[in-house]
Amino acid sequence: MKQENKLKGRDLINVGIYTAIYFVIMLAVAMLGMIPIFLPLLSVIVPILGGIPFMLFLTKVKKPGMIFIMAMIMGIMMLLTGMGPWPLLTCAVAGILAEIIYRSGEYKSAKKAVLAYAVFSMWIWGNYLPLFTDYEGYFAQRESYGQAYIEAVQKLMPLWMAPVLLAVCFVCGILGGILGRALLKKHFEKAGIA
């Protein structure tokens, strides 16, 4: 019997639940960014911790569009929380690519699940782009952080850090995917993901 590819209410509920869990983890970790040294470390911590709920989410994904919808919700949430349009753009690209990767494994490949999460994690890079494209404008909106914070971030985030952070998001996404898969092995087996 051919599997129906149309998203149903239950699929959208799963997207909503797991997006909310992922967003809460991301928001809690983002609070650490108030300490300058943790700002670049968000590209490490969020992909690793977010791997657990995301990999559980992938056990529910059996239809095209679910990962992309989650990515777009994350992008819209970033836009609404003042991060600008860059995360929305990176969420769209990362969401489409992650969707293609996971679908290429017919929603049953654990390796493709980990790779899809690593690519999905690259959306986080969009939050850093204003630091590299419009530094003054970025901190003009955040003057209340204080000059010491701004100077510390400037030292931690030179222009050469842009590609490094993108690579770190991907590598830590792989680590987060492996961690999530290991912790949720029983769920993966039940979902038929080998």
N, C-alpha and C. Protein backbone atom coordinates (compact mmCIF):
# COMPACT_ATOMS: atom_id res chain seq x y z
N MET A 1 0.84 -1.19 0.00
CA MET A 1 0.00 0.00 0.00
C MET A 1 0.88 1.25 0.00
N LYS A 2 0.58 2.18 -0.90
CA LYS A 2 1.39 3.38 -1.04
C LYS A 2 1.11 4.35 0.10
N GLN A 3 2.20 4.89 0.66
CA GLN A 3 2.06 5.84 1.77
C GLN A 3 1.55 7.18 1.25
N GLU A 4 0.59 7.74 1.95
CA GLU A 4 0.04 9.03 1.56
C GLU A 4 1.01 10.13 1.97
N ASN A 5 1.29 11.06 1.04
CA ASN A 5 2.28 12.11 1.29
C ASN A 5 1.67 13.40 1.80
N LYS A 6 0.35 13.44 1.93
CA LYS A 6 -0.30 14.67 2.38
C LYS A 6 -0.16 14.84 3.88
N LEU A 7 0.21 16.06 4.31
CA LEU A 7 0.31 16.34 5.74
C LEU A 7 -1.08 16.39 6.34
N LYS A 8 -1.22 15.76 7.50
CA LYS A 8 -2.50 15.77 8.22
C LYS A 8 -2.35 16.54 9.52
N GLY A 9 -3.44 16.71 10.21
CA GLY A 9 -3.44 17.44 11.47
C GLY A 9 -2.45 16.89 12.47
N ARG A 10 -2.37 15.58 12.56
CA ARG A 10 -1.44 14.94 13.52
C ARG A 10 0.01 15.28 13.19
N ASP A 11 0.34 15.34 11.89
CA ASP A 11 1.69 15.70 11.47
C ASP A 11 2.02 17.14 11.88
N LEU A 12 1.07 18.03 11.67
CA LEU A 12 1.29 19.44 12.02
C LEU A 12 1.37 19.63 13.53
N ILE A 13 0.62 18.83 14.28
CA ILE A 13 0.72 18.88 15.74
C ILE A 13 2.12 18.44 16.17
N ASN A 14 2.64 17.37 15.57
CA ASN A 14 4.01 16.93 15.86
C ASN A 14 5.03 18.02 15.55
N VAL A 15 4.87 18.68 14.41
CA VAL A 15 5.76 19.78 14.04
C VAL A 15 5.71 20.86 15.12
N GLY A 16 4.49 21.23 15.53
CA GLY A 16 4.33 22.28 16.54
C GLY A 16 4.95 21.92 17.88
N ILE A 17 4.71 20.70 18.33
CA ILE A 17 5.23 20.26 19.62
C ILE A 17 6.76 20.26 19.63
N TYR A 18 7.36 19.63 18.63
CA TYR A 18 8.82 19.52 18.61
C TYR A 18 9.50 20.85 18.30
N THR A 19 8.85 21.71 17.53
CA THR A 19 9.40 23.04 17.30
C THR A 19 9.40 23.82 18.61
N ALA A 20 8.33 23.71 19.38
CA ALA A 20 8.26 24.42 20.67
C ALA A 20 9.36 23.93 21.62
N ILE A 21 9.56 22.62 21.69
CA ILE A 21 10.61 22.07 22.55
C ILE A 21 11.98 22.57 22.10
N TYR A 22 12.24 22.49 20.81
CA TYR A 22 13.52 22.94 20.26
C TYR A 22 13.73 24.42 20.53
N PHE A 23 12.68 25.22 20.33
CA PHE A 23 12.77 26.67 20.53
C PHE A 23 13.07 27.01 21.99
N VAL A 24 12.44 26.31 22.92
CA VAL A 24 12.68 26.57 24.35
C VAL A 24 14.14 26.27 24.70
N ILE A 25 14.67 25.16 24.19
CA ILE A 25 16.08 24.83 24.43
C ILE A 25 16.97 25.92 23.85
N MET A 26 16.68 26.32 22.61
CA MET A 26 17.47 27.35 21.94
C MET A 26 17.41 28.67 22.71
N LEU A 27 16.24 29.03 23.19
CA LEU A 27 16.06 30.28 23.92
C LEU A 27 16.81 30.26 25.25
N ALA A 28 16.74 29.13 25.95
CA ALA A 28 17.45 29.00 27.23
C ALA A 28 18.95 29.12 27.02
N VAL A 29 19.46 28.48 25.99
CA VAL A 29 20.90 28.56 25.69
C VAL A 29 21.27 29.97 25.24
N ALA A 30 20.40 30.60 24.46
CA ALA A 30 20.68 31.96 23.96
C ALA A 30 20.85 32.96 25.09
N MET A 31 20.22 32.72 26.22
CA MET A 31 20.38 33.62 27.36
C MET A 31 21.83 33.68 27.83
N LEU A 32 22.56 32.59 27.58
CA LEU A 32 23.98 32.58 27.93
C LEU A 32 24.77 33.59 27.09
N GLY A 33 24.23 33.97 25.94
CA GLY A 33 24.88 34.93 25.06
C GLY A 33 25.05 36.30 25.68
N MET A 34 24.41 36.53 26.81
CA MET A 34 24.59 37.80 27.52
C MET A 34 26.01 37.88 28.10
N ILE A 35 26.67 36.74 28.20
CA ILE A 35 28.07 36.69 28.60
C ILE A 35 28.86 36.56 27.30
N PRO A 36 29.72 37.53 26.96
CA PRO A 36 30.34 37.56 25.63
C PRO A 36 30.95 36.24 25.16
N ILE A 37 31.66 35.54 25.99
CA ILE A 37 32.33 34.31 25.57
C ILE A 37 31.34 33.24 25.10
N PHE A 38 30.12 33.30 25.61
CA PHE A 38 29.11 32.31 25.23
C PHE A 38 28.45 32.61 23.89
N LEU A 39 28.60 33.82 23.40
CA LEU A 39 27.97 34.17 22.12
C LEU A 39 28.43 33.24 20.99
N PRO A 40 29.74 33.08 20.76
CA PRO A 40 30.13 32.13 19.71
C PRO A 40 29.86 30.67 20.09
N LEU A 41 29.81 30.38 21.39
CA LEU A 41 29.57 29.01 21.83
C LEU A 41 28.13 28.54 21.61
N LEU A 42 27.25 29.47 21.27
CA LEU A 42 25.86 29.08 20.96
C LEU A 42 25.83 28.15 19.75
N SER A 43 26.81 28.32 18.84
CA SER A 43 26.87 27.46 17.66
C SER A 43 27.35 26.05 18.02
N VAL A 44 27.79 25.87 19.25
CA VAL A 44 28.19 24.55 19.75
C VAL A 44 27.06 23.95 20.59
N ILE A 45 26.58 24.72 21.54
CA ILE A 45 25.64 24.21 22.54
C ILE A 45 24.27 23.91 21.95
N VAL A 46 23.73 24.84 21.15
CA VAL A 46 22.37 24.63 20.59
C VAL A 46 22.31 23.38 19.70
N PRO A 47 23.25 23.19 18.75
CA PRO A 47 23.16 21.97 17.93
C PRO A 47 23.31 20.68 18.74
N ILE A 48 24.13 20.71 19.78
CA ILE A 48 24.32 19.48 20.56
C ILE A 48 23.08 19.17 21.39
N LEU A 49 22.59 20.15 22.15
CA LEU A 49 21.40 19.90 22.98
C LEU A 49 20.14 19.74 22.14
N GLY A 50 20.03 20.52 21.07
CA GLY A 50 18.85 20.44 20.21
C GLY A 50 18.74 19.14 19.45
N GLY A 51 19.84 18.40 19.37
CA GLY A 51 19.83 17.12 18.66
C GLY A 51 18.89 16.10 19.27
N ILE A 52 18.70 16.18 20.58
CA ILE A 52 17.84 15.19 21.25
C ILE A 52 16.38 15.33 20.82
N PRO A 53 15.75 16.52 20.99
CA PRO A 53 14.36 16.61 20.54
C PRO A 53 14.21 16.52 19.02
N PHE A 54 15.22 17.02 18.28
CA PHE A 54 15.11 16.96 16.83
C PHE A 54 15.14 15.53 16.33
N MET A 55 16.01 14.71 16.89
CA MET A 55 16.08 13.31 16.45
C MET A 55 14.81 12.56 16.84
N LEU A 56 14.22 12.90 17.97
CA LEU A 56 12.92 12.31 18.33
C LEU A 56 11.86 12.76 17.33
N PHE A 57 11.92 14.02 16.93
CA PHE A 57 11.01 14.55 15.92
C PHE A 57 11.13 13.75 14.61
N LEU A 58 12.37 13.43 14.23
CA LEU A 58 12.56 12.69 12.97
C LEU A 58 11.94 11.30 12.99
N THR A 59 11.74 10.73 14.18
CA THR A 59 11.05 9.43 14.24
C THR A 59 9.57 9.59 13.87
N LYS A 60 9.06 10.81 13.93
CA LYS A 60 7.66 11.09 13.58
C LYS A 60 7.52 11.57 12.13
N VAL A 61 8.65 11.98 11.52
CA VAL A 61 8.60 12.53 10.16
C VAL A 61 8.57 11.40 9.15
N LYS A 62 7.48 11.33 8.43
CA LYS A 62 7.33 10.33 7.38
C LYS A 62 6.80 10.96 6.10
N LYS A 63 6.60 12.26 6.13
CA LYS A 63 6.02 12.95 4.99
C LYS A 63 6.83 14.20 4.65
N PRO A 64 6.92 14.53 3.37
CA PRO A 64 7.68 15.72 2.97
C PRO A 64 7.05 17.00 3.52
N GLY A 65 7.90 17.92 3.87
CA GLY A 65 7.45 19.24 4.32
C GLY A 65 7.55 19.47 5.81
N MET A 66 7.61 18.42 6.60
CA MET A 66 7.59 18.59 8.06
C MET A 66 8.84 19.31 8.57
N ILE A 67 10.02 18.94 8.06
CA ILE A 67 11.26 19.57 8.51
C ILE A 67 11.29 21.02 8.03
N PHE A 68 10.87 21.25 6.80
CA PHE A 68 10.86 22.61 6.26
C PHE A 68 9.92 23.51 7.07
N ILE A 69 8.76 23.00 7.43
CA ILE A 69 7.81 23.79 8.23
C ILE A 69 8.45 24.15 9.58
N MET A 70 9.10 23.17 10.21
CA MET A 70 9.78 23.44 11.48
C MET A 70 10.83 24.53 11.30
N ALA A 71 11.62 24.43 10.25
CA ALA A 71 12.66 25.43 9.99
C ALA A 71 12.05 26.82 9.80
N MET A 72 10.98 26.90 9.05
CA MET A 72 10.36 28.21 8.81
C MET A 72 9.76 28.80 10.08
N ILE A 73 9.19 27.95 10.92
CA ILE A 73 8.67 28.45 12.20
C ILE A 73 9.82 29.02 13.03
N MET A 74 10.96 28.31 13.04
CA MET A 74 12.13 28.82 13.78
C MET A 74 12.57 30.17 13.20
N GLY A 75 12.60 30.29 11.88
CA GLY A 75 12.98 31.55 11.25
C GLY A 75 12.04 32.68 11.60
N ILE A 76 10.76 32.39 11.60
CA ILE A 76 9.76 33.41 11.95
C ILE A 76 9.91 33.81 13.43
N MET A 77 10.17 32.83 14.29
CA MET A 77 10.37 33.13 15.71
C MET A 77 11.60 34.02 15.91
N MET A 78 12.66 33.75 15.16
CA MET A 78 13.86 34.59 15.26
C MET A 78 13.57 36.01 14.77
N LEU A 79 12.80 36.12 13.70
CA LEU A 79 12.42 37.43 13.19
C LEU A 79 11.61 38.19 14.23
N LEU A 80 10.66 37.51 14.86
CA LEU A 80 9.81 38.15 15.87
C LEU A 80 10.56 38.51 17.15
N THR A 81 11.66 37.81 17.43
CA THR A 81 12.44 38.12 18.64
C THR A 81 13.57 39.10 18.35
N GLY A 82 13.54 39.73 17.17
CA GLY A 82 14.46 40.82 16.88
C GLY A 82 15.78 40.43 16.24
N MET A 83 15.88 39.23 15.72
CA MET A 83 17.14 38.80 15.11
C MET A 83 17.25 39.20 13.64
N GLY A 84 16.23 39.83 13.12
CA GLY A 84 16.29 40.29 11.73
C GLY A 84 15.94 39.20 10.73
N PRO A 85 16.10 39.51 9.43
CA PRO A 85 15.69 38.57 8.38
C PRO A 85 16.70 37.45 8.08
N TRP A 86 17.96 37.59 8.50
CA TRP A 86 18.96 36.59 8.16
C TRP A 86 18.60 35.18 8.64
N PRO A 87 18.17 34.99 9.89
CA PRO A 87 17.81 33.63 10.30
C PRO A 87 16.65 33.04 9.49
N LEU A 88 15.73 33.88 9.05
CA LEU A 88 14.62 33.41 8.23
C LEU A 88 15.16 32.83 6.92
N LEU A 89 16.13 33.52 6.33
CA LEU A 89 16.74 33.06 5.08
C LEU A 89 17.53 31.77 5.31
N THR A 90 18.36 31.74 6.36
CA THR A 90 19.16 30.53 6.61
C THR A 90 18.26 29.36 7.02
N CYS A 91 17.17 29.63 7.70
CA CYS A 91 16.21 28.56 8.06
C CYS A 91 15.59 27.96 6.80
N ALA A 92 15.25 28.81 5.85
CA ALA A 92 14.65 28.32 4.60
C ALA A 92 15.62 27.41 3.86
N VAL A 93 16.86 27.86 3.71
CA VAL A 93 17.86 27.07 2.98
C VAL A 93 18.17 25.77 3.73
N ALA A 94 18.46 25.89 5.03
CA ALA A 94 18.79 24.70 5.82
C ALA A 94 17.60 23.73 5.87
N GLY A 95 16.39 24.26 5.98
CA GLY A 95 15.19 23.42 6.04
C GLY A 95 14.98 22.63 4.76
N ILE A 96 15.16 23.30 3.62
CA ILE A 96 14.99 22.62 2.32
C ILE A 96 16.05 21.52 2.17
N LEU A 97 17.30 21.86 2.46
CA LEU A 97 18.38 20.87 2.31
C LEU A 97 18.21 19.69 3.26
N ALA A 98 17.85 19.96 4.51
CA ALA A 98 17.63 18.88 5.48
C ALA A 98 16.47 17.99 5.03
N GLU A 99 15.43 18.61 4.50
CA GLU A 99 14.27 17.88 3.99
C GLU A 99 14.69 16.93 2.86
N ILE A 100 15.47 17.45 1.92
CA ILE A 100 15.93 16.64 0.78
C ILE A 100 16.80 15.47 1.26
N ILE A 101 17.70 15.75 2.19
CA ILE A 101 18.60 14.71 2.70
C ILE A 101 17.81 13.60 3.39
N TYR A 102 16.91 13.97 4.29
CA TYR A 102 16.17 12.95 5.04
C TYR A 102 15.25 12.16 4.12
N ARG A 103 14.65 12.84 3.17
CA ARG A 103 13.76 12.17 2.22
C ARG A 103 14.54 11.20 1.33
N SER A 104 15.80 11.54 1.00
CA SER A 104 16.61 10.66 0.14
C SER A 104 16.88 9.32 0.81
N GLY A 105 16.79 9.28 2.13
CA GLY A 105 16.92 8.01 2.86
C GLY A 105 15.57 7.36 3.11
N GLU A 106 14.53 7.86 2.42
CA GLU A 106 13.16 7.35 2.54
C GLU A 106 12.65 7.36 3.98
N TYR A 107 13.12 8.32 4.76
CA TYR A 107 12.71 8.51 6.15
C TYR A 107 13.02 7.29 7.02
N LYS A 108 14.02 6.49 6.59
CA LYS A 108 14.36 5.28 7.33
C LYS A 108 15.85 5.15 7.61
N SER A 109 16.65 6.08 7.14
CA SER A 109 18.10 5.99 7.30
C SER A 109 18.56 6.81 8.50
N ALA A 110 19.18 6.13 9.47
CA ALA A 110 19.70 6.83 10.65
C ALA A 110 20.84 7.76 10.26
N LYS A 111 21.67 7.34 9.31
CA LYS A 111 22.78 8.19 8.86
C LYS A 111 22.26 9.46 8.20
N LYS A 112 21.23 9.31 7.39
CA LYS A 112 20.64 10.49 6.74
C LYS A 112 19.95 11.38 7.77
N ALA A 113 19.41 10.78 8.83
CA ALA A 113 18.78 11.56 9.90
C ALA A 113 19.83 12.45 10.58
N VAL A 114 20.98 11.88 10.88
CA VAL A 114 22.06 12.64 11.52
C VAL A 114 22.56 13.74 10.57
N LEU A 115 22.75 13.40 9.31
CA LEU A 115 23.20 14.40 8.33
C LEU A 115 22.16 15.50 8.14
N ALA A 116 20.89 15.12 8.09
CA ALA A 116 19.82 16.11 7.95
C ALA A 116 19.82 17.07 9.13
N TYR A 117 20.04 16.54 10.34
CA TYR A 117 20.08 17.42 11.51
C TYR A 117 21.30 18.34 11.47
N ALA A 118 22.44 17.83 11.02
CA ALA A 118 23.65 18.67 10.92
C ALA A 118 23.41 19.84 9.97
N VAL A 119 22.77 19.57 8.85
CA VAL A 119 22.47 20.63 7.88
C VAL A 119 21.42 21.58 8.46
N PHE A 120 20.40 21.02 9.12
CA PHE A 120 19.37 21.85 9.75
C PHE A 120 20.00 22.81 10.75
N SER A 121 20.99 22.34 11.51
CA SER A 121 21.63 23.15 12.55
C SER A 121 22.34 24.38 11.99
N MET A 122 22.63 24.37 10.72
CA MET A 122 23.32 25.50 10.11
C MET A 122 22.46 26.76 10.05
N TRP A 123 21.15 26.64 10.32
CA TRP A 123 20.29 27.82 10.35
C TRP A 123 20.76 28.80 11.43
N ILE A 124 21.36 28.28 12.49
CA ILE A 124 21.79 29.11 13.62
C ILE A 124 22.76 30.20 13.15
N TRP A 125 23.53 29.90 12.12
CA TRP A 125 24.50 30.84 11.57
C TRP A 125 23.86 32.17 11.18
N GLY A 126 22.61 32.13 10.78
CA GLY A 126 21.91 33.36 10.40
C GLY A 126 21.82 34.37 11.53
N ASN A 127 21.83 33.90 12.77
CA ASN A 127 21.80 34.81 13.91
C ASN A 127 23.09 35.61 14.04
N TYR A 128 24.19 35.08 13.51
CA TYR A 128 25.48 35.76 13.59
C TYR A 128 25.73 36.73 12.44
N LEU A 129 25.04 36.56 11.34
CA LEU A 129 25.34 37.33 10.14
C LEU A 129 25.30 38.85 10.35
N PRO A 130 24.37 39.40 11.15
CA PRO A 130 24.40 40.86 11.35
C PRO A 130 25.71 41.34 11.98
N LEU A 131 26.36 40.48 12.76
CA LEU A 131 27.65 40.87 13.35
C LEU A 131 28.72 41.04 12.29
N PHE A 132 28.59 40.35 11.17
CA PHE A 132 29.59 40.41 10.12
C PHE A 132 29.19 41.31 8.95
N THR A 133 27.90 41.60 8.82
CA THR A 133 27.43 42.42 7.69
C THR A 133 27.09 43.85 8.09
N ASP A 134 26.66 44.06 9.33
CA ASP A 134 26.26 45.40 9.79
C ASP A 134 26.51 45.52 11.29
N TYR A 135 27.78 45.52 11.64
CA TYR A 135 28.18 45.50 13.05
C TYR A 135 27.60 46.69 13.83
N GLU A 136 27.76 47.90 13.28
CA GLU A 136 27.28 49.10 13.98
C GLU A 136 25.76 49.07 14.15
N GLY A 137 25.07 48.68 13.08
CA GLY A 137 23.61 48.60 13.15
C GLY A 137 23.14 47.56 14.16
N TYR A 138 23.86 46.44 14.23
CA TYR A 138 23.51 45.38 15.17
C TYR A 138 23.57 45.89 16.60
N PHE A 139 24.66 46.58 16.95
CA PHE A 139 24.81 47.05 18.32
C PHE A 139 24.11 48.37 18.59
N ALA A 140 23.70 49.09 17.54
CA ALA A 140 22.91 50.31 17.74
C ALA A 140 21.57 49.94 18.39
N GLN A 141 21.07 48.74 18.06
CA GLN A 141 19.82 48.26 18.64
C GLN A 141 20.04 47.68 20.03
N ARG A 142 21.30 47.48 20.40
CA ARG A 142 21.61 46.81 21.66
C ARG A 142 22.54 47.66 22.53
N GLU A 143 22.35 48.97 22.50
CA GLU A 143 23.22 49.88 23.27
C GLU A 143 23.16 49.60 24.76
N SER A 144 22.04 49.08 25.22
CA SER A 144 21.88 48.81 26.65
C SER A 144 22.83 47.72 27.15
N TYR A 145 23.47 46.98 26.23
CA TYR A 145 24.41 45.93 26.63
C TYR A 145 25.67 46.52 27.26
N GLY A 146 25.98 47.76 26.88
CA GLY A 146 27.16 48.42 27.44
C GLY A 146 28.37 48.29 26.53
N GLN A 147 29.27 49.27 26.64
CA GLN A 147 30.45 49.33 25.79
C GLN A 147 31.42 48.16 26.04
N ALA A 148 31.54 47.73 27.27
CA ALA A 148 32.45 46.62 27.59
C ALA A 148 32.00 45.34 26.88
N TYR A 149 30.70 45.09 26.86
CA TYR A 149 30.15 43.91 26.17
C TYR A 149 30.43 44.00 24.68
N ILE A 150 30.16 45.17 24.10
CA ILE A 150 30.36 45.38 22.66
C ILE A 150 31.82 45.15 22.28
N GLU A 151 32.74 45.68 23.07
CA GLU A 151 34.17 45.51 22.77
C GLU A 151 34.60 44.05 22.91
N ALA A 152 34.06 43.37 23.91
CA ALA A 152 34.39 41.94 24.10
C ALA A 152 33.90 41.11 22.92
N VAL A 153 32.69 41.38 22.46
CA VAL A 153 32.14 40.66 21.31
C VAL A 153 32.95 40.96 20.05
N GLN A 154 33.36 42.21 19.91
CA GLN A 154 34.15 42.60 18.73
C GLN A 154 35.46 41.81 18.68
N LYS A 155 36.09 41.60 19.82
CA LYS A 155 37.33 40.82 19.87
C LYS A 155 37.08 39.34 19.59
N LEU A 156 35.93 38.83 20.05
CA LEU A 156 35.61 37.41 19.88
C LEU A 156 35.11 37.06 18.48
N MET A 157 34.58 38.07 17.77
CA MET A 157 33.91 37.81 16.50
C MET A 157 34.52 38.60 15.33
N PRO A 158 35.81 38.39 15.03
CA PRO A 158 36.36 39.03 13.83
C PRO A 158 35.72 38.40 12.59
N LEU A 159 35.90 39.03 11.46
CA LEU A 159 35.26 38.59 10.22
C LEU A 159 35.59 37.14 9.86
N TRP A 160 36.82 36.68 10.14
CA TRP A 160 37.20 35.32 9.78
C TRP A 160 36.40 34.26 10.56
N MET A 161 35.70 34.69 11.63
CA MET A 161 34.89 33.75 12.40
C MET A 161 33.61 33.33 11.67
N ALA A 162 33.18 34.09 10.67
CA ALA A 162 31.93 33.76 9.96
C ALA A 162 31.94 32.34 9.39
N PRO A 163 32.93 31.96 8.56
CA PRO A 163 32.91 30.58 8.05
C PRO A 163 33.20 29.55 9.14
N VAL A 164 33.96 29.93 10.14
CA VAL A 164 34.25 29.00 11.24
C VAL A 164 32.96 28.64 11.98
N LEU A 165 32.14 29.65 12.26
CA LEU A 165 30.87 29.40 12.97
C LEU A 165 29.93 28.52 12.15
N LEU A 166 29.92 28.72 10.83
CA LEU A 166 29.07 27.89 9.97
C LEU A 166 29.52 26.43 10.04
N ALA A 167 30.83 26.21 9.97
CA ALA A 167 31.37 24.86 10.06
C ALA A 167 31.10 24.25 11.44
N VAL A 168 31.22 25.05 12.48
CA VAL A 168 30.98 24.56 13.84
C VAL A 168 29.52 24.14 14.01
N CYS A 169 28.59 24.92 13.45
CA CYS A 169 27.17 24.55 13.50
C CYS A 169 26.96 23.16 12.88
N PHE A 170 27.60 22.91 11.74
CA PHE A 170 27.45 21.64 11.04
C PHE A 170 28.07 20.49 11.85
N VAL A 171 29.31 20.66 12.29
CA VAL A 171 30.01 19.60 13.04
C VAL A 171 29.29 19.29 14.35
N CYS A 172 28.88 20.33 15.06
CA CYS A 172 28.17 20.10 16.33
C CYS A 172 26.77 19.54 16.08
N GLY A 173 26.21 19.83 14.90
CA GLY A 173 24.95 19.21 14.51
C GLY A 173 25.11 17.70 14.34
N ILE A 174 26.24 17.30 13.77
CA ILE A 174 26.52 15.85 13.66
C ILE A 174 26.63 15.24 15.05
N LEU A 175 27.38 15.92 15.93
CA LEU A 175 27.53 15.42 17.31
C LEU A 175 26.18 15.35 18.02
N GLY A 176 25.36 16.40 17.85
CA GLY A 176 24.03 16.41 18.46
C GLY A 176 23.13 15.33 17.90
N GLY A 177 23.24 15.09 16.59
CA GLY A 177 22.46 14.03 15.97
C GLY A 177 22.86 12.65 16.48
N ILE A 178 24.15 12.43 16.61
CA ILE A 178 24.64 11.15 17.14
C ILE A 178 24.21 10.98 18.59
N LEU A 179 24.32 12.05 19.38
CA LEU A 179 23.89 11.99 20.78
C LEU A 179 22.39 11.69 20.87
N GLY A 180 21.60 12.43 20.08
CA GLY A 180 20.15 12.22 20.08
C GLY A 180 19.78 10.82 19.66
N ARG A 181 20.45 10.32 18.63
CA ARG A 181 20.17 8.96 18.15
C ARG A 181 20.53 7.92 19.21
N ALA A 182 21.68 8.12 19.87
CA ALA A 182 22.11 7.16 20.90
C ALA A 182 21.13 7.15 22.07
N LEU A 183 20.69 8.33 22.50
CA LEU A 183 19.77 8.41 23.63
C LEU A 183 18.38 7.89 23.28
N LEU A 184 18.03 7.94 22.00
CA LEU A 184 16.69 7.57 21.57
C LEU A 184 16.68 6.31 20.72
N LYS A 185 17.67 5.47 20.92
CA LYS A 185 17.82 4.26 20.09
C LYS A 185 16.54 3.42 20.05
N LYS A 186 15.89 3.28 21.19
CA LYS A 186 14.66 2.48 21.25
C LYS A 186 13.57 3.09 20.36
N HIS A 187 13.46 4.42 20.38
CA HIS A 187 12.46 5.10 19.53
C HIS A 187 12.79 4.92 18.06
N PHE A 188 14.08 4.96 17.72
CA PHE A 188 14.48 4.78 16.32
C PHE A 188 14.12 3.38 15.85
N GLU A 189 14.37 2.41 16.70
CA GLU A 189 14.06 1.03 16.32
C GLU A 189 12.55 0.85 16.14
N LYS A 190 11.78 1.41 17.05
CA LYS A 190 10.32 1.30 16.95
C LYS A 190 9.79 1.98 15.69
N ALA A 191 10.43 3.08 15.28
CA ALA A 191 10.00 3.81 14.09
C ALA A 191 10.52 3.17 12.81
N GLY A 192 11.36 2.14 12.94
CA GLY A 192 11.90 1.44 11.77
C GLY A 192 13.02 2.19 11.08
N ILE A 193 13.74 3.02 11.84
CA ILE A 193 14.85 3.78 11.28
C ILE A 193 16.13 3.03 11.61
N ALA A 194 16.78 2.51 10.58
CA ALA A 194 17.99 1.69 10.80
C ALA A 194 19.24 2.50 10.59
